[in-house]
């Protein structure tokens, strides 16, 4: 009996077609190696026990001891011809042949998820009848059969619970299609914030497990400035014409926090954000190829943007803003922040070059200078975040303190807030938050003594 079920599980693994990439998965590949070793004619006890523990170790390392939960998670996040087709912006027609193969794979994966460690142990006892091995086999650690996931109610828990509730997993196909249409597939279904990174000369998208949790409600003042960015984002999400946005102004005024808070507010509407370090702007064409034809809307976020002299990365940004050979698809906008209105440094020597008799100076230096000064103008919307005056600074302090329900005498709060600004970074929204962080902690420690 146990031999038949183990053989069926191995056959189900070998029969995967659309989800075949799962055979390269570390947990699934170790499980398959274990099942193969159990079917070998000249099986060696040391080798099969080692295979058992290798599989168990990989499952434990994944963060769950439920094989069922693990398999369901792989189904949800796998990127394959079916899931990619479902999340594509345009679906020409439903591919019945692929969906039939998916249904068969889902039932096969259900069978795999139900593998009972007791069956594996029973098979081992049959293979190795020597009494000296009985205690070793009996003490092998076991995984659990039922779902053990306890996750907050969200789109991921909903699809996971739906699949688990189906008597036959192929019955969850339609719900799975809806999930991928709305939330995408692969890394884009798992995360909503990303960063572009490079390793070994290649660029890739890395998901962020814990993005900055800042919310719009936590941001005090600058409502007029922030509303222009929010309005543009809503137009973008609705598929209406929208602009690239430059948020510039004094440091600590909440430019970057505004973009991050907008992402947290609207990621459930399909908004995603990919932060692109300034040094990698030349990778824009490659990034476009990763993101185009996806249903999600992507903000390419460039923080603290400024270019030095003779720096060529700005040409890549200019091409993206104006439209180069590889045009920017409609599901992408660029949001950039900078402490400078003019994003490229300009030197007095360049202005002197306009009247210079030096043969080493550029003849048409005025054209180069105008090109540098005009880069910011290529953003459709520019929003200025200026340092607050004293009244506005204290208003921000009051708002942050109120949001945290701090019961502090207003006169003392204002007096120490102004003193803090003198001691540290001057008046700004960031300084106000840092001050409230300090006084909240200071009073908490003082009150506990």
Protein backbone atom coordinates (compact mmCIF):
# COMPACT_ATOMS: atom_id res chain seq x y z
CA UNK A 1 0.00 0.00 0.00
CA UNK A 2 2.68 2.47 1.02
CA UNK A 3 4.75 1.50 -2.04
CA UNK A 4 1.84 2.34 -4.35
CA UNK A 5 1.28 5.78 -2.78
CA UNK A 6 4.97 6.64 -2.80
CA UNK A 7 5.24 5.61 -6.45
CA UNK A 8 2.16 7.70 -7.29
CA UNK A 9 3.71 10.73 -5.58
CA UNK A 10 6.94 10.33 -7.54
CA UNK A 11 4.95 9.91 -10.77
CA UNK A 12 2.99 13.09 -9.95
CA UNK A 13 6.28 14.98 -9.61
CA UNK A 14 7.60 13.62 -12.90
CA UNK A 15 4.29 14.45 -14.61
CA UNK A 16 4.36 18.18 -13.85
CA UNK A 17 4.22 20.19 -17.07
CA UNK A 18 3.25 23.86 -16.61
CA UNK A 19 4.59 23.93 -13.03
CA UNK A 20 7.63 21.88 -14.03
CA UNK A 21 10.04 24.56 -12.85
CA UNK A 22 9.12 23.50 -9.29
CA UNK A 23 11.31 20.43 -9.82
CA UNK A 24 14.27 22.83 -9.48
CA UNK A 25 12.93 24.10 -6.16
CA UNK A 26 15.21 23.08 -3.28
CA UNK A 27 12.47 21.49 -1.16
CA UNK A 28 10.68 19.75 -4.04
CA UNK A 29 13.95 18.51 -5.59
CA UNK A 30 15.03 17.03 -2.23
CA UNK A 31 11.63 15.36 -1.87
CA UNK A 32 11.96 13.86 -5.34
CA UNK A 33 15.48 12.61 -4.53
CA UNK A 34 14.10 10.93 -1.39
CA UNK A 35 11.32 9.19 -3.33
CA UNK A 36 13.76 8.02 -6.00
CA UNK A 37 16.09 6.57 -3.36
CA UNK A 38 13.17 4.64 -1.84
CA UNK A 39 12.53 3.00 -5.23
CA UNK A 40 16.09 1.91 -5.92
CA UNK A 41 16.74 -1.82 -5.91
CA UNK A 42 20.07 -1.56 -4.12
CA UNK A 43 19.09 1.16 -1.66
CA UNK A 44 21.64 1.86 1.09
CA UNK A 45 20.30 2.79 4.50
CA UNK A 46 22.85 5.56 5.03
CA UNK A 47 22.00 7.22 1.70
CA UNK A 48 18.22 7.10 2.10
CA UNK A 49 18.38 8.40 5.69
CA UNK A 50 20.58 11.22 4.45
CA UNK A 51 18.03 12.03 1.71
CA UNK A 52 15.23 12.07 4.30
CA UNK A 53 17.06 14.58 6.48
CA UNK A 54 18.08 16.77 3.52
CA UNK A 55 14.43 17.10 2.53
CA UNK A 56 13.36 17.75 6.11
CA UNK A 57 16.07 20.39 6.56
CA UNK A 58 15.05 22.29 3.41
CA UNK A 59 11.38 22.22 4.43
CA UNK A 60 12.22 23.49 7.92
CA UNK A 61 14.43 26.22 6.43
CA UNK A 62 11.47 27.44 4.35
CA UNK A 63 9.68 28.60 7.50
CA UNK A 64 6.92 25.99 7.66
CA UNK A 65 6.70 22.35 8.66
CA UNK A 66 3.49 21.87 6.66
CA UNK A 67 4.26 20.34 3.28
CA UNK A 68 0.75 21.30 2.19
CA UNK A 69 1.30 24.99 3.03
CA UNK A 70 4.62 24.95 1.25
CA UNK A 71 3.23 23.46 -1.96
CA UNK A 72 0.30 25.90 -2.00
CA UNK A 73 2.73 28.80 -1.60
CA UNK A 74 4.76 27.57 -4.57
CA UNK A 75 1.59 27.37 -6.67
CA UNK A 76 0.66 30.95 -5.78
CA UNK A 77 4.05 32.49 -6.53
CA UNK A 78 5.24 30.35 -9.42
CA UNK A 79 5.91 32.19 -12.68
CA UNK A 80 5.13 29.99 -15.66
CA UNK A 81 3.37 30.26 -19.06
CA UNK A 82 -0.06 30.07 -17.41
CA UNK A 83 0.48 32.59 -14.62
CA UNK A 84 2.34 35.03 -16.88
CA UNK A 85 -0.44 34.84 -19.46
CA UNK A 86 -3.11 35.56 -16.83
CA UNK A 87 -1.40 38.70 -15.51
CA UNK A 88 -0.50 40.10 -18.94
CA UNK A 89 -2.07 43.44 -19.84
CA UNK A 90 -3.76 41.97 -22.90
CA UNK A 91 -5.00 38.40 -23.06
CA UNK A 92 -5.97 37.53 -26.61
CA UNK A 93 -7.86 34.38 -25.71
CA UNK A 94 -8.06 31.72 -23.06
CA UNK A 95 -5.73 28.82 -23.82
CA UNK A 96 -7.79 25.73 -22.99
CA UNK A 97 -4.90 23.35 -23.61
CA UNK A 98 -2.69 25.13 -21.08
CA UNK A 99 -5.52 25.34 -18.55
CA UNK A 100 -6.15 21.61 -18.89
CA UNK A 101 -2.47 20.96 -18.18
CA UNK A 102 -2.64 23.34 -15.20
CA UNK A 103 -5.65 21.46 -13.80
CA UNK A 104 -3.73 18.20 -14.04
CA UNK A 105 -0.71 19.76 -12.37
CA UNK A 106 -2.86 21.12 -9.52
CA UNK A 107 -4.25 17.67 -8.79
CA UNK A 108 -0.75 16.22 -8.95
CA UNK A 109 0.56 18.87 -6.56
CA UNK A 110 -2.33 18.10 -4.22
CA UNK A 111 -1.26 14.46 -4.14
CA UNK A 112 2.34 15.51 -3.46
CA UNK A 113 1.24 17.80 -0.61
CA UNK A 114 -0.51 14.87 1.08
CA UNK A 115 2.60 12.75 1.41
CA UNK A 116 2.50 11.24 4.91
CA UNK A 117 5.85 10.81 6.69
CA UNK A 118 4.38 7.64 8.24
CA UNK A 119 4.27 6.09 4.75
CA UNK A 120 7.94 6.89 4.21
CA UNK A 121 8.82 5.35 7.59
CA UNK A 122 6.75 2.25 6.84
CA UNK A 123 8.59 1.84 3.53
CA UNK A 124 11.93 2.16 5.32
CA UNK A 125 10.91 -0.54 7.79
CA UNK A 126 10.10 -2.86 4.87
CA UNK A 127 13.42 -2.10 3.17
CA UNK A 128 15.50 -2.52 6.31
CA UNK A 129 14.12 -5.33 8.44
CA UNK A 130 17.13 -5.34 10.73
CA UNK A 131 15.97 -4.57 14.28
CA UNK A 132 18.94 -2.27 14.81
CA UNK A 133 17.39 0.22 12.38
CA UNK A 134 13.89 0.24 13.92
CA UNK A 135 14.62 2.85 16.58
CA UNK A 136 16.50 5.02 14.07
CA UNK A 137 13.52 4.98 11.67
CA UNK A 138 10.99 5.56 14.44
CA UNK A 139 12.85 8.66 15.64
CA UNK A 140 13.01 10.35 12.23
CA UNK A 141 11.46 13.83 12.51
CA UNK A 142 8.10 14.33 10.81
CA UNK A 143 6.46 17.15 8.89
CA UNK A 144 2.78 17.97 9.38
CA UNK A 145 0.02 17.11 6.93
CA UNK A 146 -2.56 19.81 7.57
CA UNK A 147 -2.31 23.53 6.94
CA UNK A 148 -0.65 25.42 9.79
CA UNK A 149 -0.58 28.90 8.23
CA UNK A 150 -1.81 31.66 10.51
CA UNK A 151 -1.54 34.81 8.42
CA UNK A 152 -3.39 38.12 8.45
CA UNK A 153 -6.42 38.36 6.19
CA UNK A 154 -5.18 39.60 2.82
CA UNK A 155 -5.17 38.62 -0.83
CA UNK A 156 -2.54 35.92 -0.20
CA UNK A 157 -4.39 34.25 2.67
CA UNK A 158 -7.62 34.34 0.63
CA UNK A 159 -6.25 32.40 -2.34
CA UNK A 160 -4.34 30.02 -0.03
CA UNK A 161 -7.47 29.22 1.98
CA UNK A 162 -9.50 28.80 -1.20
CA UNK A 163 -7.12 26.20 -2.65
CA UNK A 164 -6.92 24.35 0.67
CA UNK A 165 -10.72 24.26 0.89
CA UNK A 166 -11.15 22.59 -2.51
CA UNK A 167 -11.74 18.85 -2.45
CA UNK A 168 -9.85 18.70 -5.74
CA UNK A 169 -7.35 21.48 -6.33
CA UNK A 170 -8.24 21.79 -10.00
CA UNK A 171 -11.54 23.28 -8.76
CA UNK A 172 -9.52 26.31 -7.64
CA UNK A 173 -8.37 27.10 -11.18
CA UNK A 174 -10.83 29.94 -11.81
CA UNK A 175 -10.00 31.64 -8.51
CA UNK A 176 -6.30 31.24 -9.29
CA UNK A 177 -6.85 32.95 -12.65
CA UNK A 178 -8.58 35.89 -10.93
CA UNK A 179 -5.71 36.15 -8.44
CA UNK A 180 -3.03 36.37 -11.13
CA UNK A 181 -5.07 38.81 -13.21
CA UNK A 182 -5.30 41.18 -10.26
CA UNK A 183 -2.02 40.68 -8.39
CA UNK A 184 0.39 39.36 -11.01
CA UNK A 185 2.70 36.41 -10.61
CA UNK A 186 6.10 35.50 -9.27
CA UNK A 187 7.93 38.17 -7.32
CA UNK A 188 5.30 40.79 -8.22
CA UNK A 189 2.55 38.88 -6.44
CA UNK A 190 4.69 38.38 -3.34
CA UNK A 191 6.01 41.97 -2.89
CA UNK A 192 4.92 45.50 -3.75
CA UNK A 193 8.23 47.30 -3.17
CA UNK A 194 11.43 46.43 -5.01
CA UNK A 195 14.97 47.64 -5.57
CA UNK A 196 17.10 47.24 -8.68
CA UNK A 197 20.41 45.62 -7.85
CA UNK A 198 23.44 44.34 -9.72
CA UNK A 199 25.61 41.27 -9.15
CA UNK A 200 28.24 39.68 -11.38
CA UNK A 201 27.59 42.30 -14.05
CA UNK A 202 23.84 41.59 -14.31
CA UNK A 203 20.92 43.64 -13.05
CA UNK A 204 17.92 42.09 -11.32
CA UNK A 205 14.84 43.01 -9.31
CA UNK A 206 14.95 42.23 -5.59
CA UNK A 207 11.76 42.24 -3.51
CA UNK A 208 11.69 44.13 -0.21
CA UNK A 209 10.26 42.14 2.70
CA UNK A 210 9.67 45.08 5.03
CA UNK A 211 9.25 48.37 3.15
CA UNK A 212 9.05 51.65 5.05
CA UNK A 213 5.56 51.54 6.67
CA UNK A 214 5.02 55.32 6.58
CA UNK A 215 1.42 56.30 5.79
CA UNK A 216 -0.16 59.46 4.43
CA UNK A 217 -1.93 60.00 7.76
CA UNK A 218 1.44 60.20 9.51
CA UNK A 219 2.68 62.98 7.23
CA UNK A 220 1.77 66.34 8.72
CA UNK A 221 1.36 69.51 6.63
CA UNK A 222 2.54 69.92 3.01
CA UNK A 223 -0.97 68.82 1.96
CA UNK A 224 -1.01 71.05 -1.12
CA UNK A 225 2.32 69.75 -2.36
CA UNK A 226 1.41 66.15 -1.60
CA UNK A 227 -2.05 66.39 -3.22
CA UNK A 228 -0.51 67.07 -6.64
CA UNK A 229 1.53 63.87 -6.43
CA UNK A 230 -1.47 61.87 -5.19
CA UNK A 231 -3.69 63.21 -7.99
CA UNK A 232 -1.13 62.23 -10.62
CA UNK A 233 -0.80 58.76 -9.06
CA UNK A 234 -4.57 58.20 -9.15
CA UNK A 235 -4.66 59.21 -12.83
CA UNK A 236 -1.85 56.73 -13.45
CA UNK A 237 -3.69 53.92 -11.66
CA UNK A 238 -6.88 54.62 -13.63
CA UNK A 239 -5.00 54.35 -16.91
CA UNK A 240 -5.45 58.05 -17.67
CA UNK A 241 -2.64 60.29 -18.99
CA UNK A 242 -0.18 61.01 -16.19
CA UNK A 243 3.20 62.66 -15.75
CA UNK A 244 6.63 61.88 -14.44
CA UNK A 245 7.14 63.81 -11.19
CA UNK A 246 10.12 65.61 -9.69
CA UNK A 247 9.88 66.39 -5.98
CA UNK A 248 12.61 68.84 -5.10
CA UNK A 249 13.43 71.21 -2.28
CA UNK A 250 15.14 71.40 1.07
CA UNK A 251 16.31 68.28 2.84
CA UNK A 252 14.08 66.61 5.39
CA UNK A 253 10.83 68.07 4.06
CA UNK A 254 9.18 64.72 3.31
CA UNK A 255 9.81 64.22 -0.40
CA UNK A 256 10.86 60.56 -0.20
CA UNK A 257 8.33 59.86 2.57
CA UNK A 258 5.56 61.16 0.29
CA UNK A 259 6.40 58.64 -2.44
CA UNK A 260 6.67 55.75 0.05
CA UNK A 261 3.40 56.69 1.75
CA UNK A 262 1.59 56.82 -1.59
CA UNK A 263 2.84 53.31 -2.34
CA UNK A 264 1.55 52.05 1.02
CA UNK A 265 -1.81 53.71 0.39
CA UNK A 266 -2.40 52.34 -3.10
CA UNK A 267 -0.46 49.08 -3.44
CA UNK A 268 -3.73 47.16 -3.00
CA UNK A 269 -4.90 48.94 -6.18
CA UNK A 270 -2.06 47.42 -8.20
CA UNK A 271 0.61 50.05 -7.52
CA UNK A 272 4.20 48.83 -7.26
CA UNK A 273 7.46 50.73 -6.74
CA UNK A 274 10.94 49.87 -7.98
CA UNK A 275 13.74 51.98 -6.53
CA UNK A 276 16.54 52.52 -9.02
CA UNK A 277 19.87 53.74 -7.59
CA UNK A 278 21.29 56.67 -9.52
CA UNK A 279 24.35 54.64 -10.47
CA UNK A 280 22.16 52.16 -12.38
CA UNK A 281 20.09 54.58 -14.49
CA UNK A 282 21.74 53.22 -17.62
CA UNK A 283 19.81 49.97 -16.91
CA UNK A 284 16.49 51.65 -17.72
CA UNK A 285 16.01 49.75 -21.03
CA UNK A 286 16.56 46.43 -19.24
CA UNK A 287 14.17 47.45 -16.46
CA UNK A 288 11.49 48.31 -19.02
CA UNK A 289 11.72 44.83 -20.51
CA UNK A 290 11.17 43.33 -17.05
CA UNK A 291 8.08 45.44 -16.33
CA UNK A 292 6.23 46.02 -19.59
CA UNK A 293 3.12 43.97 -20.41
CA UNK A 294 2.36 43.48 -16.72
CA UNK A 295 -0.98 44.47 -15.24
CA UNK A 296 0.57 46.27 -12.28
CA UNK A 297 1.50 49.95 -12.40
CA UNK A 298 5.12 50.71 -11.52
CA UNK A 299 6.70 53.84 -10.08
CA UNK A 300 10.41 53.91 -10.90
CA UNK A 301 11.72 55.80 -7.88
CA UNK A 302 15.05 57.64 -8.03
CA UNK A 303 15.96 59.18 -4.68
CA UNK A 304 18.35 62.11 -4.07
CA UNK A 305 18.92 62.70 -7.75
CA UNK A 306 21.87 64.92 -8.73
CA UNK A 307 24.52 64.52 -11.39
CA UNK A 308 28.12 65.58 -11.31
CA UNK A 309 30.15 67.06 -14.10
CA UNK A 310 30.82 64.81 -17.11
CA UNK A 311 28.41 62.20 -15.75
CA UNK A 312 26.67 60.32 -18.52
CA UNK A 313 23.89 58.63 -16.53
CA UNK A 314 21.71 61.69 -17.01
CA UNK A 315 21.42 60.87 -20.73
CA UNK A 316 19.67 57.60 -19.81
CA UNK A 317 17.22 59.47 -17.61
CA UNK A 318 16.64 62.08 -20.31
CA UNK A 319 15.90 59.35 -22.86
CA UNK A 320 13.35 57.80 -20.50
CA UNK A 321 11.68 61.12 -19.81
CA UNK A 322 11.48 62.13 -23.46
CA UNK A 323 11.12 58.72 -25.05
CA UNK A 324 14.08 56.98 -26.60
CA UNK A 325 14.23 54.09 -29.04
CA UNK A 326 12.78 51.90 -26.28
CA UNK A 327 9.72 53.91 -25.28
CA UNK A 328 8.41 53.96 -21.74
CA UNK A 329 5.32 51.72 -21.51
CA UNK A 330 2.06 53.10 -20.08
CA UNK A 331 2.39 51.08 -16.86
CA UNK A 332 5.53 52.98 -15.78
CA UNK A 333 6.10 56.50 -14.42
CA UNK A 334 9.23 58.03 -12.94
CA UNK A 335 9.15 59.77 -9.55
CA UNK A 336 12.42 61.39 -8.51
CA UNK A 337 13.46 63.45 -5.50
CA UNK A 338 16.27 65.95 -5.29
CA UNK A 339 17.53 68.69 -3.02
CA UNK A 340 18.36 70.70 -6.14
CA UNK A 341 16.16 72.40 -8.70
CA UNK A 342 18.92 71.99 -11.30
CA UNK A 343 19.77 68.31 -11.30
CA UNK A 344 23.17 68.65 -12.94
CA UNK A 345 25.98 70.59 -11.34
CA UNK A 346 27.02 73.69 -13.24
CA UNK A 347 30.34 75.48 -12.78
CA UNK A 348 31.33 79.12 -13.18
CA UNK A 349 34.00 78.00 -15.61
CA UNK A 350 31.23 76.87 -17.93
CA UNK A 351 29.67 80.32 -17.92
CA UNK A 352 33.10 81.84 -18.40
CA UNK A 353 33.47 79.60 -21.41
CA UNK A 354 30.82 81.64 -23.20
CA UNK A 355 33.28 84.52 -23.51
CA UNK A 356 36.50 82.54 -23.24
CA UNK A 357 39.38 82.80 -25.62
CA UNK A 358 40.75 79.50 -24.35
CA UNK A 359 41.09 77.06 -27.26
CA UNK A 360 40.31 74.16 -24.89
CA UNK A 361 36.82 75.51 -24.11
CA UNK A 362 33.78 74.18 -25.97
CA UNK A 363 32.72 76.42 -28.84
CA UNK A 364 29.00 76.02 -28.17
CA UNK A 365 29.23 75.88 -24.40
CA UNK A 366 25.94 77.75 -24.08
CA UNK A 367 24.10 74.82 -25.68
CA UNK A 368 25.65 72.38 -23.22
CA UNK A 369 24.78 74.62 -20.30
CA UNK A 370 21.15 74.94 -21.40
CA UNK A 371 20.92 71.16 -21.80
CA UNK A 372 22.06 70.72 -18.23
CA UNK A 373 19.66 73.29 -16.84
CA UNK A 374 16.69 71.89 -18.75
CA UNK A 375 16.75 68.29 -17.46
CA UNK A 376 14.35 69.09 -14.60
CA UNK A 377 11.94 70.63 -17.13
CA UNK A 378 11.52 67.25 -18.77
CA UNK A 379 9.51 66.05 -15.78
CA UNK A 380 5.85 66.81 -16.42
CA UNK A 381 5.22 67.87 -12.83
CA UNK A 382 7.67 69.54 -10.44
CA UNK A 383 6.63 69.96 -6.81
CA UNK A 384 8.59 72.19 -4.44
CA UNK A 385 9.00 71.19 -0.77
CA UNK A 386 10.44 74.20 1.07
CA UNK A 387 11.81 74.31 4.60
CA UNK A 388 9.07 75.40 7.03
CA UNK A 389 9.14 78.70 8.85
CA UNK A 390 8.89 78.60 12.64
CA UNK A 391 5.07 78.53 12.78
CA UNK A 392 4.86 75.74 10.21
CA UNK A 393 7.59 73.76 11.96
CA UNK A 394 5.72 73.95 15.29
CA UNK A 395 2.50 72.98 13.52
CA UNK A 396 4.22 69.84 12.23
CA UNK A 397 5.51 69.04 15.74
CA UNK A 398 1.99 69.47 17.13
CA UNK A 399 0.55 67.19 14.42
CA UNK A 400 3.05 64.39 15.00
CA UNK A 401 2.56 64.57 18.77
CA UNK A 402 -1.22 64.47 18.32
CA UNK A 403 -1.00 61.44 16.00
CA UNK A 404 0.91 59.62 18.75
CA UNK A 405 -1.52 60.77 21.47
CA UNK A 406 1.28 62.38 23.49
CA UNK A 407 0.10 64.36 26.50
CA UNK A 408 2.81 67.03 26.70
CA UNK A 409 2.41 70.63 27.79
CA UNK A 410 2.25 72.69 24.58
CA UNK A 411 4.51 75.47 25.86
CA UNK A 412 7.20 72.97 26.82
CA UNK A 413 6.74 71.06 23.57
CA UNK A 414 7.29 74.22 21.49
CA UNK A 415 10.18 75.47 23.58
CA UNK A 416 12.11 72.21 23.36
CA UNK A 417 11.21 71.74 19.68
CA UNK A 418 12.80 75.08 18.81
CA UNK A 419 15.83 74.28 20.91
CA UNK A 420 16.16 70.91 19.18
CA UNK A 421 16.09 72.60 15.75
CA UNK A 422 18.91 74.94 16.85
CA UNK A 423 21.04 72.09 18.14
CA UNK A 424 20.57 69.73 15.23
CA UNK A 425 19.50 70.02 11.60
CA UNK A 426 17.43 73.20 11.51
CA UNK A 427 13.70 73.36 10.90
CA UNK A 428 12.25 70.58 8.74
CA UNK A 429 9.60 67.86 8.87
CA UNK A 430 12.35 65.31 9.50
CA UNK A 431 13.74 67.35 12.40
CA UNK A 432 10.22 67.60 13.85
CA UNK A 433 9.80 63.83 13.72
CA UNK A 434 13.25 63.23 15.24
CA UNK A 435 12.42 65.66 18.04
CA UNK A 436 9.10 63.95 18.82
CA UNK A 437 10.88 60.57 18.79
CA UNK A 438 13.32 61.94 21.36
CA UNK A 439 10.82 63.61 23.69
CA UNK A 440 8.48 60.59 23.61
CA UNK A 441 11.34 58.26 24.58
CA UNK A 442 12.75 60.72 27.10
CA UNK A 443 9.41 61.12 28.91
CA UNK A 444 8.73 57.36 28.81
CA UNK A 445 12.05 56.57 30.53
CA UNK A 446 11.62 59.42 33.00
CA UNK A 447 8.10 58.27 33.87
CA UNK A 448 9.25 54.71 34.54
CA UNK A 449 11.91 55.76 37.05
